[in-house]
Protein backbone atom coordinates (compact mmCIF):
# COMPACT_ATOMS: atom_id res chain seq x y z
CA MET A 1 -0.09 15.37 2.47
CA LYS A 2 -2.15 12.62 0.86
CA LEU A 3 -0.39 9.29 0.37
CA TYR A 4 -1.68 6.88 -2.28
CA LEU A 5 -0.24 3.35 -2.52
CA ASP A 6 -0.81 0.65 -5.13
CA THR A 7 0.98 -2.66 -4.61
CA SER A 8 -1.48 -4.74 -6.65
CA ASN A 9 1.00 -5.33 -9.53
CA THR A 10 4.72 -5.90 -9.90
CA VAL A 11 5.32 -2.16 -10.15
CA THR A 12 4.53 -0.29 -6.93
CA ILE A 13 2.88 3.09 -7.42
CA LEU A 14 3.25 5.77 -4.77
CA LYS A 15 1.63 9.18 -5.00
CA LEU A 16 2.36 12.00 -2.59
CA ASP A 17 -0.27 14.62 -3.30
CA ASN A 18 0.12 15.06 -7.08
CA LYS A 19 3.61 13.59 -7.46
CA LYS A 20 3.73 10.02 -8.78
CA TYR A 21 6.55 7.54 -8.26
CA GLU A 22 6.87 4.02 -9.63
CA GLN A 23 9.26 1.29 -8.53
CA ASP A 24 9.65 -2.39 -9.41
CA PHE A 25 11.02 -4.12 -6.31
CA GLY A 26 10.84 -7.61 -7.79
CA TYR A 27 10.61 -10.04 -4.90
CA ASP A 28 11.94 -7.48 -2.40
CA THR A 29 8.82 -5.33 -1.95
CA ALA A 30 8.39 -6.19 1.73
CA GLU A 31 12.02 -5.34 2.46
CA LYS A 32 12.30 -2.11 0.48
CA ILE A 33 8.91 -0.38 0.33
CA LEU A 34 9.06 1.50 3.64
CA GLU A 35 12.49 2.91 2.83
CA PHE A 36 11.18 3.90 -0.63
CA ILE A 37 8.20 5.75 0.89
CA HIS A 38 10.41 7.45 3.48
CA ASN A 39 12.93 8.56 0.84
CA LYS A 40 10.17 10.04 -1.33
CA LEU A 41 8.71 11.86 1.67
CA GLN A 42 12.14 13.34 2.40
CA GLU A 43 12.58 14.37 -1.25
CA ASN A 44 9.43 16.45 -0.74
CA ASP A 45 10.67 17.90 2.57
CA GLN A 46 8.06 15.82 4.44
CA ASP A 47 8.09 13.11 7.08
CA TRP A 48 5.70 10.40 8.25
CA HIS A 49 3.74 12.80 10.48
CA ASP A 50 3.02 15.07 7.51
CA ILE A 51 0.71 12.41 6.03
CA SER A 52 -2.87 13.61 6.49
CA GLU A 53 -4.74 10.78 4.72
CA ILE A 54 -4.03 7.49 2.98
CA GLU A 55 -5.63 5.88 -0.06
CA PHE A 56 -4.91 2.28 -1.05
CA MET A 57 -5.60 0.30 -4.23
CA SER A 58 -7.24 -2.61 -2.42
CA GLY A 59 -7.51 -4.94 -5.41
CA PRO A 60 -7.94 -7.09 -7.26
CA GLY A 61 -4.33 -7.97 -7.84
CA SER A 62 -1.31 -9.83 -6.58
CA PHE A 63 -2.00 -11.72 -3.36
CA THR A 64 1.41 -11.01 -1.85
CA GLY A 65 1.55 -7.42 -3.09
CA LEU A 66 -1.88 -6.60 -1.69
CA ARG A 67 -1.05 -8.23 1.65
CA ILE A 68 2.15 -6.20 1.97
CA GLY A 69 0.47 -2.95 0.95
CA ALA A 70 -2.54 -3.49 3.22
CA ALA A 71 -0.28 -4.20 6.19
CA ILE A 72 1.62 -0.96 5.54
CA VAL A 73 -1.38 1.34 5.04
CA ASN A 74 -3.31 -0.19 7.95
CA THR A 75 -0.35 0.29 10.28
CA LEU A 76 0.40 3.82 9.08
CA ALA A 77 -3.24 4.93 9.32
CA ARG A 78 -3.53 3.53 12.83
CA ASP A 79 -0.21 4.84 14.12
CA LEU A 80 -0.57 8.29 12.51
CA ASN A 81 -4.29 8.47 13.33
CA VAL A 82 -5.24 9.53 9.78
CA PRO A 83 -8.22 8.52 7.61
CA LEU A 84 -7.81 5.47 5.37
CA PHE A 85 -9.65 5.08 2.05
CA ASP A 86 -9.83 2.39 -0.60
CA HIS A 87 -9.36 3.30 -4.28
CA GLN A 88 -13.13 3.80 -4.65
CA GLY A 89 -13.15 6.53 -2.00
CA LYS A 90 -14.78 4.49 0.77
CA GLN A 91 -13.31 5.14 4.22
CA HIS A 92 -12.23 2.14 6.28
CA LYS A 93 -10.92 1.57 9.75
CA GLN A 94 -8.87 -1.27 8.27
CA ILE A 95 -8.41 -2.30 4.62
CA ILE A 96 -9.16 -5.90 3.71
CA PRO A 97 -7.62 -6.67 0.30
CA ASN A 98 -9.83 -7.85 -2.56
CA TYR A 99 -7.82 -10.56 -4.29
CA GLY A 100 -10.34 -10.93 -7.11
CA LYS A 101 -10.70 -14.70 -6.68
CA GLY A 102 -10.53 -17.42 -4.08
CA ALA A 103 -7.31 -18.84 -2.75
CA ASN A 104 -5.58 -21.44 -4.91
CA ILE A 105 -4.86 -24.09 -2.31
CA SER A 106 -3.43 -27.40 -3.47
CA SER A 107 -4.38 -30.76 -1.99
CA PRO A 108 -2.16 -32.24 0.71
CA ARG A 109 0.52 -34.61 -0.61
CA LYS A 110 -0.26 -37.32 1.92
């Protein structure tokens, strides 16, 4: 089963083969996304080890969303020993998110 994950916007998009699921977690993405993926796998009579490849929307997009998504797909691909692709079809050993711009770091207060 191919897993596709897009966490670049406020609405998370998960595809399992040709079935698409969308969920807005608000500020709770990090806490709820793994349970969401697991529940959708179970709805399709699948489990983590049934994932045969992973594709990730690596950006540009939300800094926090991309960091959360990249951590998940990198960990799953490594632990399940499955190929990992970005949204352009390029295979990676590890996804590095493309935030679309440099970090917005403010000056120190003192």
